[in-house]
Amino acid sequence: MSAQPVLPAYSMNRPSFPWMYERSLVEPLFRPWAESLLERAELGSAMRVIEVACGTGIVPRVAHRRGPP
């Protein structure tokens, strides 16, 4: 039987670092670049976007929100 990790009291009921990174940096800093990239790519209705795990994932998420052209 393995011991369960115990989190320090200061970490309880607080946002996680990935959540804070997403809210503080990814959306405000990287979203405009993702929008610009997708505009330049001129995706057609039969085209797809593939996520290859090379970043935050903002580009495919923005593409998904845009929907088909």
C-alpha atoms as a PDB file:
ATOM      1  CA  MET A   1       0.000   0.000   0.000  1.00  0.00           C
ATOM      2  CA  SER A   2       1.530   3.311  -1.075  1.00  0.00           C
ATOM      3  CA  ALA A   3       1.164   6.538   0.845  1.00  0.00           C
ATOM      4  CA  GLN A   4      -0.972   9.248  -0.720  1.00  0.00           C
ATOM      5  CA  PRO A   5       0.790  12.583  -1.294  1.00  0.00           C
ATOM      6  CA  VAL A   6      -0.271  15.316   1.081  1.00  0.00           C
ATOM      7  CA  LEU A   7      -0.634  18.804  -0.339  1.00  0.00           C
ATOM      8  CA  PRO A   8       0.435  21.778   1.765  1.00  0.00           C
ATOM      9  CA  ALA A   9      -2.389  23.839   3.251  1.00  0.00           C
ATOM     10  CA  TYR A  10      -1.497  26.923   1.186  1.00  0.00           C
ATOM     11  CA  SER A  11      -2.235  25.009  -2.039  1.00  0.00           C
ATOM     12  CA  MET A  12      -5.775  24.049  -1.116  1.00  0.00           C
ATOM     13  CA  ASN A  13      -8.594  25.832  -2.951  1.00  0.00           C
ATOM     14  CA  ARG A  14      -6.126  27.707  -5.157  1.00  0.00           C
ATOM     15  CA  PRO A  15      -5.870  27.674  -8.936  1.00  0.00           C
ATOM     16  CA  SER A  16      -3.238  25.342 -10.302  1.00  0.00           C
ATOM     17  CA  PHE A  17      -0.188  26.654 -12.126  1.00  0.00           C
ATOM     18  CA  PRO A  18      -1.387  25.297 -15.513  1.00  0.00           C
ATOM     19  CA  TRP A  19      -4.736  27.053 -15.038  1.00  0.00           C
ATOM     20  CA  MET A  20      -3.015  30.336 -14.120  1.00  0.00           C
ATOM     21  CA  TYR A  21      -0.654  30.005 -17.110  1.00  0.00           C
ATOM     22  CA  GLU A  22      -3.606  29.423 -19.447  1.00  0.00           C
ATOM     23  CA  ARG A  23      -5.557  32.406 -18.130  1.00  0.00           C
ATOM     24  CA  SER A  24      -2.662  34.838 -17.687  1.00  0.00           C
ATOM     25  CA  LEU A  25      -0.457  34.092 -20.679  1.00  0.00           C
ATOM     26  CA  VAL A  26      -1.927  31.767 -23.281  1.00  0.00           C
ATOM     27  CA  GLU A  27      -5.198  33.586 -23.959  1.00  0.00           C
ATOM     28  CA  PRO A  28      -3.964  37.184 -23.810  1.00  0.00           C
ATOM     29  CA  LEU A  29      -0.488  36.665 -25.271  1.00  0.00           C
ATOM     30  CA  PHE A  30      -0.727  33.744 -27.708  1.00  0.00           C
ATOM     31  CA  ARG A  31      -4.334  33.977 -28.933  1.00  0.00           C
ATOM     32  CA  PRO A  32      -3.670  37.021 -31.206  1.00  0.00           C
ATOM     33  CA  TRP A  33      -0.807  35.101 -32.843  1.00  0.00           C
ATOM     34  CA  ALA A  34      -3.034  32.062 -33.310  1.00  0.00           C
ATOM     35  CA  GLU A  35      -5.723  34.238 -34.910  1.00  0.00           C
ATOM     36  CA  SER A  36      -3.158  35.796 -37.256  1.00  0.00           C
ATOM     37  CA  LEU A  37      -1.716  32.408 -38.193  1.00  0.00           C
ATOM     38  CA  LEU A  38      -5.143  30.991 -39.006  1.00  0.00           C
ATOM     39  CA  GLU A  39      -6.041  34.026 -41.115  1.00  0.00           C
ATOM     40  CA  ARG A  40      -2.843  33.591 -43.119  1.00  0.00           C
ATOM     41  CA  ALA A  41      -3.396  29.838 -43.488  1.00  0.00           C
ATOM     42  CA  GLU A  42      -6.735  30.459 -45.258  1.00  0.00           C
ATOM     43  CA  LEU A  43      -8.181  27.115 -44.219  1.00  0.00           C
ATOM     44  CA  GLY A  44     -10.791  25.689 -46.555  1.00  0.00           C
ATOM     45  CA  SER A  45     -13.844  23.688 -45.510  1.00  0.00           C
ATOM     46  CA  ALA A  46     -12.203  20.353 -46.397  1.00  0.00           C
ATOM     47  CA  MET A  47      -8.940  21.193 -44.596  1.00  0.00           C
ATOM     48  CA  ARG A  48      -7.958  20.013 -41.130  1.00  0.00           C
ATOM     49  CA  VAL A  49      -5.675  21.246 -38.355  1.00  0.00           C
ATOM     50  CA  ILE A  50      -3.459  18.720 -36.600  1.00  0.00           C
ATOM     51  CA  GLU A  51      -2.115  19.207 -33.094  1.00  0.00           C
ATOM     52  CA  VAL A  52       1.397  17.798 -32.707  1.00  0.00           C
ATOM     53  CA  ALA A  53       2.009  18.842 -29.094  1.00  0.00           C
ATOM     54  CA  CYS A  54       4.508  21.590 -29.841  1.00  0.00           C
ATOM     55  CA  GLY A  55       2.991  24.336 -27.754  1.00  0.00           C
ATOM     56  CA  THR A  56       0.001  25.398 -25.721  1.00  0.00           C
ATOM     57  CA  GLY A  57      -2.646  24.035 -28.083  1.00  0.00           C
ATOM     58  CA  ILE A  58      -4.124  27.484 -28.661  1.00  0.00           C
ATOM     59  CA  VAL A  59      -4.022  27.249 -32.486  1.00  0.00           C
ATOM     60  CA  PRO A  60      -6.256  24.167 -32.852  1.00  0.00           C
ATOM     61  CA  ARG A  61      -8.574  25.454 -30.123  1.00  0.00           C
ATOM     62  CA  VAL A  62      -9.019  28.780 -31.913  1.00  0.00           C
ATOM     63  CA  ALA A  63      -9.505  26.935 -35.219  1.00  0.00           C
ATOM     64  CA  HIS A  64     -12.158  24.740 -33.580  1.00  0.00           C
ATOM     65  CA  ARG A  65     -13.998  27.758 -32.153  1.00  0.00           C
ATOM     66  CA  ARG A  66     -14.012  29.402 -35.576  1.00  0.00           C
ATOM     67  CA  GLY A  67     -15.675  26.387 -37.116  1.00  0.00           C
ATOM     68  CA  PRO A  68     -15.683  25.629 -40.830  1.00  0.00           C
ATOM     69  CA  PRO A  69     -15.137  28.612 -43.139  1.00  0.00           C
END
